[in-house]
Amino acid sequence: MVDVKSHFIKLNLIKVKVDEYLAKVFMRAGYAKVDLVKTPLGTRIVIYADRPALIIGKKGQTIKQLTELFEKYFNIENPQITVTQVENPELNARVVASRLALAIEKGYHFRRAAFVALRRVLGAGALGVEIVISGKLVSERARYEKIRAGKVYKTGEHVHQLVDRAVIHLPQKPGIYGIEVLIVKPLEPADRVEIVLPKEVPTTTPSPSEGSKT
């Protein structure tokens, strides 16, 4: 039992390190998340991104480099990498934060870029969204700008079930910008419940003589 527990702890620690590395290196690719699954043949690594082609590279060259890196520096046994398109990128906080960071980097005004991102997230069906941008935005003094729409949960069980949160740091000439995105995802459709009606009850009633029999 102890061995199984330590195995999963070790696997999760490796996953955190791989996630931090991929988030830093592949922000422009809209990196979303990574899954690690231990298999009899090695370790299956599934990378989710908004633009998978930027991670795969020309003729899979980047994948080959990642395979060597994961095996050598992260001690992952026989890594088998798969890159796939993230489902509903507008509802993924890390993808939205990456897009917002790239827009600011290209010269778009931070407030305008944030409102565009907010409208896209709400248009994708989110129940709520909050975007916080901090740093030396308009002067030498650091401040933050917050925009919010819909329901945004900060406490309670909804935070674990519905809220997706991401933070990205963007180096700029005035300093480092911090971009935080919280997205409250739409509720899953309720399972369809089939109601089975009871069989038709006979409408005839027993006669008094039948009812008196014991």
N, C-alpha and C. Protein backbone atom coordinates (compact mmCIF):
# COMPACT_ATOMS: atom_id res chain seq x y z
N MET A 1 0.84 -1.21 0.00
CA MET A 1 0.00 0.00 0.00
C MET A 1 0.87 1.26 0.00
N VAL A 2 1.96 1.21 0.76
CA VAL A 2 2.86 2.36 0.82
C VAL A 2 3.52 2.59 -0.52
N ASP A 3 3.88 1.49 -1.22
CA ASP A 3 4.53 1.61 -2.52
C ASP A 3 3.60 2.25 -3.54
N VAL A 4 2.33 1.86 -3.51
CA VAL A 4 1.35 2.44 -4.43
C VAL A 4 1.18 3.93 -4.16
N LYS A 5 1.11 4.29 -2.89
CA LYS A 5 0.94 5.70 -2.51
C LYS A 5 2.15 6.52 -2.96
N SER A 6 3.35 6.03 -2.70
CA SER A 6 4.55 6.75 -3.09
C SER A 6 4.68 6.86 -4.60
N HIS A 7 4.18 5.82 -5.30
CA HIS A 7 4.22 5.85 -6.77
C HIS A 7 3.40 7.01 -7.31
N PHE A 8 2.18 7.17 -6.80
CA PHE A 8 1.31 8.24 -7.28
C PHE A 8 1.82 9.62 -6.85
N ILE A 9 2.41 9.71 -5.67
CA ILE A 9 2.98 10.98 -5.24
C ILE A 9 4.12 11.38 -6.16
N LYS A 10 4.98 10.42 -6.48
CA LYS A 10 6.11 10.69 -7.37
C LYS A 10 5.63 11.08 -8.76
N LEU A 11 4.60 10.39 -9.26
CA LEU A 11 4.07 10.70 -10.58
C LEU A 11 3.47 12.09 -10.63
N ASN A 12 2.76 12.50 -9.56
CA ASN A 12 2.16 13.83 -9.52
C ASN A 12 3.21 14.93 -9.40
N LEU A 13 4.30 14.65 -8.67
CA LEU A 13 5.38 15.64 -8.57
C LEU A 13 6.03 15.86 -9.94
N ILE A 14 6.23 14.76 -10.66
CA ILE A 14 6.78 14.88 -12.01
C ILE A 14 5.83 15.65 -12.91
N LYS A 15 4.53 15.39 -12.76
CA LYS A 15 3.54 16.08 -13.58
C LYS A 15 3.57 17.59 -13.33
N VAL A 16 3.72 17.99 -12.07
CA VAL A 16 3.78 19.42 -11.75
C VAL A 16 4.99 20.07 -12.40
N LYS A 17 6.14 19.40 -12.34
CA LYS A 17 7.35 19.95 -12.94
C LYS A 17 7.22 20.05 -14.46
N VAL A 18 6.66 19.01 -15.08
CA VAL A 18 6.47 19.02 -16.54
C VAL A 18 5.48 20.11 -16.93
N ASP A 19 4.42 20.27 -16.15
CA ASP A 19 3.40 21.29 -16.43
C ASP A 19 4.01 22.68 -16.37
N GLU A 20 4.83 22.95 -15.36
CA GLU A 20 5.47 24.26 -15.23
C GLU A 20 6.42 24.53 -16.40
N TYR A 21 7.15 23.52 -16.81
CA TYR A 21 8.08 23.68 -17.93
C TYR A 21 7.32 23.96 -19.23
N LEU A 22 6.30 23.17 -19.52
CA LEU A 22 5.55 23.35 -20.77
C LEU A 22 4.82 24.68 -20.79
N ALA A 23 4.29 25.11 -19.64
CA ALA A 23 3.59 26.39 -19.59
C ALA A 23 4.53 27.55 -19.88
N LYS A 24 5.77 27.42 -19.44
CA LYS A 24 6.75 28.49 -19.66
C LYS A 24 7.26 28.52 -21.10
N VAL A 25 7.50 27.33 -21.68
CA VAL A 25 8.12 27.25 -22.99
C VAL A 25 7.10 27.42 -24.13
N PHE A 26 5.88 26.92 -23.93
CA PHE A 26 4.90 26.87 -25.02
C PHE A 26 3.70 27.78 -24.78
N MET A 27 3.94 28.94 -24.19
CA MET A 27 2.84 29.88 -23.99
C MET A 27 2.26 30.33 -25.33
N ARG A 28 3.10 30.54 -26.33
CA ARG A 28 2.64 30.99 -27.64
C ARG A 28 1.81 29.92 -28.34
N ALA A 29 1.98 28.69 -27.95
CA ALA A 29 1.19 27.61 -28.55
C ALA A 29 -0.15 27.43 -27.86
N GLY A 30 -0.42 28.26 -26.85
CA GLY A 30 -1.67 28.12 -26.11
C GLY A 30 -1.71 26.84 -25.30
N TYR A 31 -0.58 26.53 -24.64
CA TYR A 31 -0.53 25.32 -23.82
C TYR A 31 -1.61 25.36 -22.75
N ALA A 32 -2.33 24.24 -22.57
CA ALA A 32 -3.43 24.18 -21.62
C ALA A 32 -3.13 23.30 -20.41
N LYS A 33 -2.75 22.06 -20.67
CA LYS A 33 -2.48 21.15 -19.55
C LYS A 33 -1.76 19.91 -20.08
N VAL A 34 -1.37 19.03 -19.15
CA VAL A 34 -0.69 17.79 -19.51
C VAL A 34 -1.19 16.67 -18.61
N ASP A 35 -1.30 15.48 -19.19
CA ASP A 35 -1.67 14.28 -18.43
C ASP A 35 -0.56 13.25 -18.55
N LEU A 36 -0.23 12.62 -17.43
CA LEU A 36 0.78 11.56 -17.41
C LEU A 36 0.12 10.27 -16.96
N VAL A 37 0.28 9.23 -17.77
CA VAL A 37 -0.31 7.92 -17.45
C VAL A 37 0.78 6.86 -17.57
N LYS A 38 0.97 6.11 -16.50
CA LYS A 38 1.96 5.04 -16.50
C LYS A 38 1.39 3.83 -17.23
N THR A 39 2.14 3.28 -18.18
CA THR A 39 1.72 2.12 -18.95
C THR A 39 2.80 1.05 -18.86
N PRO A 40 2.47 -0.20 -19.24
CA PRO A 40 3.50 -1.26 -19.21
C PRO A 40 4.69 -0.95 -20.12
N LEU A 41 4.48 -0.12 -21.15
CA LEU A 41 5.55 0.19 -22.09
C LEU A 41 6.35 1.43 -21.70
N GLY A 42 5.88 2.18 -20.72
CA GLY A 42 6.57 3.41 -20.32
C GLY A 42 5.61 4.41 -19.71
N THR A 43 5.69 5.65 -20.15
CA THR A 43 4.83 6.72 -19.63
C THR A 43 4.21 7.46 -20.80
N ARG A 44 2.90 7.47 -20.82
CA ARG A 44 2.19 8.18 -21.87
C ARG A 44 1.96 9.62 -21.43
N ILE A 45 2.41 10.59 -22.26
CA ILE A 45 2.29 12.01 -21.95
C ILE A 45 1.37 12.65 -22.99
N VAL A 46 0.24 13.16 -22.54
CA VAL A 46 -0.71 13.81 -23.44
C VAL A 46 -0.69 15.31 -23.17
N ILE A 47 -0.30 16.08 -24.18
CA ILE A 47 -0.20 17.53 -24.06
C ILE A 47 -1.38 18.16 -24.78
N TYR A 48 -2.11 19.03 -24.10
CA TYR A 48 -3.25 19.72 -24.69
C TYR A 48 -2.86 21.18 -24.95
N ALA A 49 -3.16 21.64 -26.16
CA ALA A 49 -2.77 23.00 -26.54
C ALA A 49 -3.77 23.57 -27.55
N ASP A 50 -3.79 24.88 -27.62
CA ASP A 50 -4.66 25.57 -28.58
C ASP A 50 -4.11 25.45 -30.00
N ARG A 51 -2.77 25.42 -30.10
CA ARG A 51 -2.10 25.32 -31.42
C ARG A 51 -1.09 24.18 -31.35
N PRO A 52 -1.56 22.95 -31.51
CA PRO A 52 -0.68 21.78 -31.36
C PRO A 52 0.50 21.77 -32.32
N ALA A 53 0.33 22.35 -33.51
CA ALA A 53 1.41 22.32 -34.51
C ALA A 53 2.68 22.98 -34.00
N LEU A 54 2.55 24.02 -33.16
CA LEU A 54 3.73 24.70 -32.63
C LEU A 54 4.50 23.83 -31.65
N ILE A 55 3.82 22.87 -31.04
CA ILE A 55 4.49 21.96 -30.12
C ILE A 55 5.07 20.76 -30.87
N ILE A 56 4.36 20.31 -31.87
CA ILE A 56 4.85 19.16 -32.64
C ILE A 56 6.12 19.53 -33.41
N GLY A 57 6.11 20.72 -34.00
CA GLY A 57 7.28 21.15 -34.75
C GLY A 57 7.33 20.57 -36.15
N LYS A 58 8.26 21.06 -36.94
CA LYS A 58 8.41 20.58 -38.32
C LYS A 58 8.91 19.15 -38.33
N LYS A 59 8.11 18.29 -38.96
CA LYS A 59 8.42 16.86 -39.05
C LYS A 59 8.59 16.21 -37.68
N GLY A 60 7.90 16.77 -36.68
CA GLY A 60 7.96 16.19 -35.34
C GLY A 60 9.27 16.41 -34.61
N GLN A 61 10.03 17.41 -35.05
CA GLN A 61 11.35 17.65 -34.46
C GLN A 61 11.25 18.05 -32.98
N THR A 62 10.26 18.91 -32.68
CA THR A 62 10.11 19.35 -31.29
C THR A 62 9.71 18.20 -30.37
N ILE A 63 8.88 17.30 -30.88
CA ILE A 63 8.48 16.13 -30.09
C ILE A 63 9.69 15.27 -29.76
N LYS A 64 10.58 15.11 -30.71
CA LYS A 64 11.79 14.32 -30.47
C LYS A 64 12.65 14.97 -29.38
N GLN A 65 12.76 16.30 -29.44
CA GLN A 65 13.55 17.00 -28.43
C GLN A 65 12.90 16.88 -27.05
N LEU A 66 11.57 16.98 -27.00
CA LEU A 66 10.87 16.84 -25.72
C LEU A 66 11.02 15.44 -25.16
N THR A 67 10.99 14.44 -26.02
CA THR A 67 11.15 13.05 -25.58
C THR A 67 12.50 12.86 -24.90
N GLU A 68 13.54 13.37 -25.51
CA GLU A 68 14.88 13.27 -24.93
C GLU A 68 14.97 14.05 -23.62
N LEU A 69 14.38 15.23 -23.59
CA LEU A 69 14.43 16.07 -22.40
C LEU A 69 13.69 15.42 -21.23
N PHE A 70 12.48 14.89 -21.49
CA PHE A 70 11.70 14.26 -20.42
C PHE A 70 12.42 13.04 -19.86
N GLU A 71 13.08 12.32 -20.74
CA GLU A 71 13.77 11.10 -20.30
C GLU A 71 15.04 11.44 -19.52
N LYS A 72 15.75 12.47 -19.95
CA LYS A 72 17.05 12.79 -19.35
C LYS A 72 16.93 13.64 -18.10
N TYR A 73 16.11 14.70 -18.14
CA TYR A 73 16.07 15.66 -17.04
C TYR A 73 14.91 15.43 -16.07
N PHE A 74 13.82 14.80 -16.55
CA PHE A 74 12.69 14.55 -15.66
C PHE A 74 12.61 13.08 -15.24
N ASN A 75 13.56 12.27 -15.72
CA ASN A 75 13.62 10.85 -15.35
C ASN A 75 12.32 10.11 -15.64
N ILE A 76 11.72 10.39 -16.77
CA ILE A 76 10.50 9.72 -17.19
C ILE A 76 10.89 8.54 -18.07
N GLU A 77 10.41 7.39 -17.68
CA GLU A 77 10.79 6.16 -18.39
C GLU A 77 10.03 6.03 -19.72
N ASN A 78 10.78 5.92 -20.81
CA ASN A 78 10.23 5.72 -22.15
C ASN A 78 9.01 6.61 -22.41
N PRO A 79 9.18 7.94 -22.44
CA PRO A 79 8.03 8.84 -22.67
C PRO A 79 7.46 8.70 -24.08
N GLN A 80 6.14 8.59 -24.15
CA GLN A 80 5.42 8.51 -25.42
C GLN A 80 4.49 9.73 -25.48
N ILE A 81 4.84 10.69 -26.30
CA ILE A 81 4.17 12.00 -26.30
C ILE A 81 3.09 12.07 -27.36
N THR A 82 1.93 12.56 -26.96
CA THR A 82 0.83 12.84 -27.87
C THR A 82 0.38 14.28 -27.66
N VAL A 83 0.24 15.03 -28.73
CA VAL A 83 -0.22 16.42 -28.65
C VAL A 83 -1.59 16.51 -29.29
N THR A 84 -2.54 17.07 -28.58
CA THR A 84 -3.91 17.14 -29.08
C THR A 84 -4.50 18.52 -28.86
N GLN A 85 -5.52 18.82 -29.62
CA GLN A 85 -6.21 20.11 -29.52
C GLN A 85 -7.04 20.16 -28.23
N VAL A 86 -6.92 21.25 -27.50
CA VAL A 86 -7.69 21.38 -26.28
C VAL A 86 -9.16 21.61 -26.63
N GLU A 87 -10.03 20.97 -25.88
CA GLU A 87 -11.47 21.12 -26.11
C GLU A 87 -11.96 22.43 -25.49
N ASN A 88 -12.75 23.17 -26.26
CA ASN A 88 -13.29 24.46 -25.81
C ASN A 88 -12.19 25.39 -25.27
N PRO A 89 -11.29 25.87 -26.13
CA PRO A 89 -10.20 26.74 -25.67
C PRO A 89 -10.69 28.02 -25.01
N GLU A 90 -11.87 28.50 -25.40
CA GLU A 90 -12.39 29.73 -24.80
C GLU A 90 -12.79 29.53 -23.35
N LEU A 91 -12.93 28.27 -22.92
CA LEU A 91 -13.30 27.99 -21.53
C LEU A 91 -12.11 27.47 -20.73
N ASN A 92 -10.92 27.55 -21.31
CA ASN A 92 -9.71 27.14 -20.60
C ASN A 92 -8.97 28.38 -20.14
N ALA A 93 -8.83 28.53 -18.83
CA ALA A 93 -8.26 29.76 -18.27
C ALA A 93 -6.83 29.99 -18.73
N ARG A 94 -6.04 28.94 -18.85
CA ARG A 94 -4.64 29.10 -19.24
C ARG A 94 -4.53 29.55 -20.70
N VAL A 95 -5.38 29.01 -21.56
CA VAL A 95 -5.36 29.41 -22.97
C VAL A 95 -5.79 30.87 -23.10
N VAL A 96 -6.84 31.25 -22.37
CA VAL A 96 -7.32 32.64 -22.43
C VAL A 96 -6.26 33.59 -21.92
N ALA A 97 -5.59 33.22 -20.82
CA ALA A 97 -4.54 34.07 -20.28
C ALA A 97 -3.36 34.19 -21.26
N SER A 98 -3.03 33.11 -21.94
CA SER A 98 -1.95 33.14 -22.92
C SER A 98 -2.29 34.05 -24.09
N ARG A 99 -3.52 33.96 -24.58
CA ARG A 99 -3.95 34.83 -25.68
C ARG A 99 -3.91 36.29 -25.26
N LEU A 100 -4.34 36.54 -24.05
CA LEU A 100 -4.35 37.92 -23.55
C LEU A 100 -2.92 38.45 -23.42
N ALA A 101 -2.01 37.61 -22.94
CA ALA A 101 -0.61 38.02 -22.81
C ALA A 101 0.00 38.33 -24.17
N LEU A 102 -0.29 37.49 -25.15
CA LEU A 102 0.25 37.72 -26.49
C LEU A 102 -0.31 39.00 -27.11
N ALA A 103 -1.61 39.28 -26.86
CA ALA A 103 -2.21 40.50 -27.39
C ALA A 103 -1.55 41.74 -26.79
N ILE A 104 -1.30 41.72 -25.48
CA ILE A 104 -0.63 42.85 -24.83
C ILE A 104 0.80 42.98 -25.35
N GLU A 105 1.45 41.85 -25.56
CA GLU A 105 2.82 41.87 -26.07
C GLU A 105 2.89 42.49 -27.48
N LYS A 106 1.83 42.28 -28.26
CA LYS A 106 1.80 42.83 -29.62
C LYS A 106 1.48 44.32 -29.65
N GLY A 107 1.10 44.88 -28.50
CA GLY A 107 0.85 46.31 -28.44
C GLY A 107 -0.59 46.71 -28.21
N TYR A 108 -1.51 45.74 -28.09
CA TYR A 108 -2.90 46.08 -27.80
C TYR A 108 -3.02 46.63 -26.39
N HIS A 109 -3.91 47.60 -26.21
CA HIS A 109 -4.13 48.15 -24.88
C HIS A 109 -4.68 47.07 -23.97
N PHE A 110 -4.16 46.98 -22.76
CA PHE A 110 -4.50 45.88 -21.87
C PHE A 110 -6.00 45.83 -21.57
N ARG A 111 -6.64 47.01 -21.44
CA ARG A 111 -8.06 47.02 -21.11
C ARG A 111 -8.90 46.53 -22.28
N ARG A 112 -8.54 46.98 -23.46
CA ARG A 112 -9.27 46.53 -24.65
C ARG A 112 -9.10 45.03 -24.87
N ALA A 113 -7.87 44.54 -24.72
CA ALA A 113 -7.62 43.11 -24.89
C ALA A 113 -8.38 42.28 -23.86
N ALA A 114 -8.48 42.79 -22.63
CA ALA A 114 -9.19 42.07 -21.58
C ALA A 114 -10.68 41.99 -21.88
N PHE A 115 -11.28 43.08 -22.36
CA PHE A 115 -12.70 43.06 -22.67
C PHE A 115 -13.01 42.14 -23.84
N VAL A 116 -12.12 42.10 -24.83
CA VAL A 116 -12.30 41.17 -25.95
C VAL A 116 -12.28 39.73 -25.45
N ALA A 117 -11.32 39.42 -24.58
CA ALA A 117 -11.23 38.07 -24.02
C ALA A 117 -12.46 37.74 -23.20
N LEU A 118 -12.94 38.69 -22.42
CA LEU A 118 -14.12 38.46 -21.58
C LEU A 118 -15.34 38.15 -22.43
N ARG A 119 -15.54 38.90 -23.51
CA ARG A 119 -16.70 38.66 -24.37
C ARG A 119 -16.64 37.29 -25.03
N ARG A 120 -15.45 36.87 -25.42
CA ARG A 120 -15.30 35.55 -26.05
C ARG A 120 -15.61 34.42 -25.07
N VAL A 121 -15.16 34.58 -23.83
CA VAL A 121 -15.40 33.56 -22.83
C VAL A 121 -16.90 33.45 -22.53
N LEU A 122 -17.55 34.58 -22.36
CA LEU A 122 -19.00 34.56 -22.10
C LEU A 122 -19.75 34.02 -23.31
N GLY A 123 -19.27 34.34 -24.50
CA GLY A 123 -19.92 33.83 -25.71
C GLY A 123 -19.80 32.32 -25.85
N ALA A 124 -18.79 31.73 -25.20
CA ALA A 124 -18.61 30.28 -25.25
C ALA A 124 -19.50 29.56 -24.24
N GLY A 125 -20.25 30.32 -23.43
CA GLY A 125 -21.19 29.71 -22.50
C GLY A 125 -20.78 29.73 -21.06
N ALA A 126 -19.71 30.44 -20.71
CA ALA A 126 -19.27 30.49 -19.31
C ALA A 126 -20.31 31.20 -18.44
N LEU A 127 -20.43 30.75 -17.20
CA LEU A 127 -21.35 31.38 -16.27
C LEU A 127 -20.79 32.69 -15.72
N GLY A 128 -19.47 32.79 -15.70
CA GLY A 128 -18.84 34.00 -15.19
C GLY A 128 -17.36 34.01 -15.53
N VAL A 129 -16.76 35.19 -15.49
CA VAL A 129 -15.34 35.32 -15.78
C VAL A 129 -14.79 36.54 -15.05
N GLU A 130 -13.57 36.40 -14.58
CA GLU A 130 -12.87 37.52 -13.94
C GLU A 130 -11.44 37.57 -14.47
N ILE A 131 -11.02 38.76 -14.89
CA ILE A 131 -9.67 38.95 -15.42
C ILE A 131 -9.00 40.06 -14.62
N VAL A 132 -7.83 39.75 -14.10
CA VAL A 132 -7.06 40.73 -13.32
C VAL A 132 -5.69 40.89 -13.97
N ILE A 133 -5.35 42.13 -14.32
CA ILE A 133 -4.05 42.44 -14.90
C ILE A 133 -3.34 43.41 -13.95
N SER A 134 -2.15 43.05 -13.52
CA SER A 134 -1.42 43.87 -12.56
C SER A 134 -0.03 44.19 -13.09
N GLY A 135 0.53 45.30 -12.61
CA GLY A 135 1.85 45.73 -13.03
C GLY A 135 1.86 47.24 -13.26
N LYS A 136 2.92 47.73 -13.87
CA LYS A 136 3.02 49.15 -14.21
C LYS A 136 2.28 49.39 -15.52
N LEU A 137 0.96 49.50 -15.40
CA LEU A 137 0.10 49.53 -16.59
C LEU A 137 0.11 50.88 -17.29
N VAL A 138 -0.06 51.96 -16.53
CA VAL A 138 -0.14 53.29 -17.14
C VAL A 138 0.82 54.29 -16.52
N SER A 139 1.55 53.87 -15.50
CA SER A 139 2.48 54.79 -14.84
C SER A 139 3.61 53.99 -14.22
N GLU A 140 4.50 54.67 -13.54
CA GLU A 140 5.62 54.01 -12.88
C GLU A 140 5.19 53.27 -11.62
N ARG A 141 3.99 53.57 -11.17
CA ARG A 141 3.50 52.92 -9.97
C ARG A 141 2.66 51.69 -10.34
N ALA A 142 2.94 50.59 -9.68
CA ALA A 142 2.21 49.35 -9.97
C ALA A 142 0.77 49.46 -9.50
N ARG A 143 -0.12 48.92 -10.28
CA ARG A 143 -1.54 48.88 -9.94
C ARG A 143 -2.15 47.66 -10.60
N TYR A 144 -3.45 47.51 -10.42
CA TYR A 144 -4.10 46.38 -11.09
C TYR A 144 -5.44 46.82 -11.66
N GLU A 145 -5.85 46.14 -12.71
CA GLU A 145 -7.13 46.39 -13.37
C GLU A 145 -7.92 45.09 -13.33
N LYS A 146 -9.17 45.17 -12.85
CA LYS A 146 -10.01 43.98 -12.74
C LYS A 146 -11.31 44.19 -13.50
N ILE A 147 -11.66 43.24 -14.35
CA ILE A 147 -12.97 43.26 -15.00
C ILE A 147 -13.65 41.92 -14.70
N ARG A 148 -14.95 42.01 -14.54
CA ARG A 148 -15.69 40.83 -14.09
C ARG A 148 -17.09 40.84 -14.66
N ALA A 149 -17.60 39.66 -14.99
CA ALA A 149 -18.96 39.54 -15.50
C ALA A 149 -19.52 38.19 -15.10
N GLY A 150 -20.82 38.14 -14.83
CA GLY A 150 -21.46 36.90 -14.45
C GLY A 150 -21.16 36.51 -13.01
N LYS A 151 -21.38 35.23 -12.72
CA LYS A 151 -21.13 34.71 -11.37
C LYS A 151 -19.71 34.16 -11.28
N VAL A 152 -18.97 34.66 -10.31
CA VAL A 152 -17.60 34.19 -10.08
C VAL A 152 -17.51 33.69 -8.65
N TYR A 153 -17.29 32.39 -8.49
CA TYR A 153 -17.22 31.79 -7.16
C TYR A 153 -15.79 31.84 -6.64
N LYS A 154 -15.64 32.25 -5.39
CA LYS A 154 -14.33 32.30 -4.74
C LYS A 154 -14.22 31.30 -3.59
N THR A 155 -15.34 30.84 -3.07
CA THR A 155 -15.35 29.88 -1.98
C THR A 155 -16.42 28.83 -2.24
N GLY A 156 -16.36 27.76 -1.46
CA GLY A 156 -17.39 26.74 -1.55
C GLY A 156 -17.01 25.63 -2.53
N GLU A 157 -17.92 24.67 -2.64
CA GLU A 157 -17.69 23.50 -3.49
C GLU A 157 -17.65 23.85 -4.96
N HIS A 158 -18.33 24.94 -5.35
CA HIS A 158 -18.34 25.34 -6.76
C HIS A 158 -16.93 25.65 -7.27
N VAL A 159 -16.06 26.12 -6.38
CA VAL A 159 -14.70 26.46 -6.80
C VAL A 159 -13.98 25.23 -7.35
N HIS A 160 -14.17 24.09 -6.69
CA HIS A 160 -13.48 22.86 -7.10
C HIS A 160 -14.15 22.23 -8.32
N GLN A 161 -15.44 22.46 -8.48
CA GLN A 161 -16.17 21.78 -9.55
C GLN A 161 -16.25 22.60 -10.83
N LEU A 162 -16.38 23.92 -10.73
CA LEU A 162 -16.69 24.73 -11.90
C LEU A 162 -15.61 25.73 -12.28
N VAL A 163 -14.80 26.17 -11.33
CA VAL A 163 -13.88 27.29 -11.59
C VAL A 163 -12.55 26.78 -12.14
N ASP A 164 -12.11 27.39 -13.24
CA ASP A 164 -10.78 27.13 -13.80
C ASP A 164 -9.97 28.42 -13.66
N ARG A 165 -8.76 28.30 -13.09
CA ARG A 165 -7.95 29.49 -12.80
C ARG A 165 -6.56 29.32 -13.38
N ALA A 166 -6.00 30.42 -13.89
CA ALA A 166 -4.64 30.40 -14.42
C ALA A 166 -3.99 31.75 -14.19
N VAL A 167 -2.68 31.71 -13.97
CA VAL A 167 -1.88 32.93 -13.78
C VAL A 167 -0.67 32.86 -14.70
N ILE A 168 -0.45 33.93 -15.44
CA ILE A 168 0.69 34.01 -16.36
C ILE A 168 1.44 35.31 -16.08
N HIS A 169 2.77 35.24 -16.11
CA HIS A 169 3.61 36.42 -15.92
C HIS A 169 4.24 36.79 -17.26
N LEU A 170 4.06 38.05 -17.63
CA LEU A 170 4.52 38.53 -18.93
C LEU A 170 5.58 39.61 -18.73
N PRO A 171 6.84 39.34 -19.11
CA PRO A 171 7.89 40.38 -18.99
C PRO A 171 7.67 41.48 -20.02
N GLN A 172 7.64 42.73 -19.56
CA GLN A 172 7.50 43.90 -20.41
C GLN A 172 8.58 44.92 -20.06
N LYS A 173 8.74 45.95 -20.86
CA LYS A 173 9.75 46.97 -20.60
C LYS A 173 9.54 47.66 -19.25
N PRO A 174 8.30 48.05 -18.90
CA PRO A 174 8.11 48.70 -17.59
C PRO A 174 8.31 47.75 -16.42
N GLY A 175 8.19 46.45 -16.68
CA GLY A 175 8.29 45.46 -15.61
C GLY A 175 7.51 44.22 -15.99
N ILE A 176 7.21 43.41 -15.01
CA ILE A 176 6.49 42.16 -15.24
C ILE A 176 5.00 42.38 -15.00
N TYR A 177 4.18 41.98 -15.98
CA TYR A 177 2.73 42.02 -15.84
C TYR A 177 2.26 40.66 -15.31
N GLY A 178 1.30 40.72 -14.41
CA GLY A 178 0.65 39.50 -13.95
C GLY A 178 -0.75 39.42 -14.52
N ILE A 179 -1.10 38.30 -15.11
CA ILE A 179 -2.42 38.13 -15.72
C ILE A 179 -3.09 36.93 -15.05
N GLU A 180 -4.21 37.18 -14.41
CA GLU A 180 -4.96 36.12 -13.74
C GLU A 180 -6.34 36.01 -14.39
N VAL A 181 -6.73 34.79 -14.71
CA VAL A 181 -8.03 34.54 -15.35
C VAL A 181 -8.78 33.49 -14.55
N LEU A 182 -10.03 33.79 -14.20
CA LEU A 182 -10.92 32.83 -13.55
C LEU A 182 -12.14 32.65 -14.45
N ILE A 183 -12.45 31.42 -14.76
CA ILE A 183 -13.59 31.11 -15.61
C ILE A 183 -14.50 30.14 -14.87
N VAL A 184 -15.77 30.49 -14.78
CA VAL A 184 -16.77 29.59 -14.20
C VAL A 184 -17.43 28.86 -15.37
N LYS A 185 -17.11 27.59 -15.49
CA LYS A 185 -17.58 26.81 -16.64
C LYS A 185 -19.07 26.52 -16.54
N PRO A 186 -19.72 26.33 -17.68
CA PRO A 186 -21.16 26.03 -17.65
C PRO A 186 -21.42 24.68 -17.01
N LEU A 187 -22.61 24.54 -16.44
CA LEU A 187 -23.00 23.28 -15.81
C LEU A 187 -23.17 22.21 -16.86
N GLU A 188 -22.81 20.99 -16.48
CA GLU A 188 -23.01 19.87 -17.38
C GLU A 188 -24.50 19.60 -17.52
N PRO A 189 -24.96 19.21 -18.72
CA PRO A 189 -26.38 18.91 -18.88
C PRO A 189 -26.79 17.76 -17.97
N ALA A 190 -27.94 17.91 -17.35
CA ALA A 190 -28.41 16.88 -16.42
C ALA A 190 -28.70 15.59 -17.17
N ASP A 191 -28.42 14.50 -16.50
CA ASP A 191 -28.70 13.19 -17.11
C ASP A 191 -30.20 13.04 -17.31
N ARG A 192 -30.55 12.47 -18.45
CA ARG A 192 -31.97 12.28 -18.76
C ARG A 192 -32.53 11.16 -17.90
N VAL A 193 -33.60 11.45 -17.22
CA VAL A 193 -34.23 10.47 -16.33
C VAL A 193 -35.46 9.91 -17.00
N GLU A 194 -35.51 8.60 -17.10
CA GLU A 194 -36.65 7.94 -17.72
C GLU A 194 -37.63 7.55 -16.62
N ILE A 195 -38.87 8.02 -16.75
CA ILE A 195 -39.91 7.74 -15.76
C ILE A 195 -40.79 6.61 -16.29
N VAL A 196 -40.84 5.53 -15.55
CA VAL A 196 -41.66 4.38 -15.94
C VAL A 196 -42.96 4.43 -15.17
N LEU A 197 -44.04 4.60 -15.90
CA LEU A 197 -45.34 4.66 -15.27
C LEU A 197 -45.80 3.27 -14.87
N PRO A 198 -46.52 3.15 -13.75
CA PRO A 198 -47.02 1.83 -13.34
C PRO A 198 -48.08 1.33 -14.30
N LYS A 199 -48.27 0.01 -14.31
CA LYS A 199 -49.30 -0.57 -15.17
C LYS A 199 -50.67 -0.05 -14.75
N GLU A 200 -51.53 -0.04 -15.73
CA GLU A 200 -52.88 0.51 -15.50
C GLU A 200 -53.59 -0.29 -14.44
N VAL A 201 -54.15 0.40 -13.46
CA VAL A 201 -54.86 -0.24 -12.35
C VAL A 201 -56.28 -0.52 -12.79
N PRO A 202 -56.78 -1.73 -12.56
CA PRO A 202 -58.17 -2.05 -12.96
C PRO A 202 -59.14 -1.09 -12.29
N THR A 203 -60.12 -0.63 -13.05
CA THR A 203 -61.10 0.32 -12.53
C THR A 203 -62.26 -0.38 -11.85
N THR A 204 -62.42 -1.70 -12.05
CA THR A 204 -63.55 -2.42 -11.43
C THR A 204 -63.28 -2.62 -9.96
N THR A 205 -64.32 -2.49 -9.14
CA THR A 205 -64.19 -2.68 -7.69
C THR A 205 -64.89 -3.96 -7.30
N PRO A 206 -64.36 -4.62 -6.31
CA PRO A 206 -65.01 -5.89 -5.90
C PRO A 206 -66.38 -5.63 -5.31
N SER A 207 -67.25 -6.60 -5.48
CA SER A 207 -68.61 -6.49 -4.94
C SER A 207 -68.57 -6.64 -3.43
N PRO A 208 -69.59 -6.16 -2.72
CA PRO A 208 -69.60 -6.27 -1.25
C PRO A 208 -69.49 -7.71 -0.77
N SER A 209 -70.08 -8.63 -1.53
CA SER A 209 -70.01 -10.03 -1.10
C SER A 209 -68.60 -10.56 -1.18
N GLU A 210 -67.87 -10.14 -2.25
CA GLU A 210 -66.48 -10.60 -2.40
C GLU A 210 -65.60 -9.98 -1.34
N GLY A 211 -65.89 -8.71 -0.98
CA GLY A 211 -65.06 -8.04 -0.01
C GLY A 211 -65.25 -8.62 1.39
N SER A 212 -66.43 -9.27 1.67
CA SER A 212 -66.68 -9.81 3.01
C SER A 212 -66.08 -11.18 3.21
N LYS A 213 -65.57 -11.81 2.12
CA LYS A 213 -64.99 -13.13 2.26
C LYS A 213 -63.68 -13.04 3.00
N THR A 214 -63.39 -14.03 3.81
CA THR A 214 -62.14 -14.11 4.56
C THR A 214 -61.30 -15.27 4.06
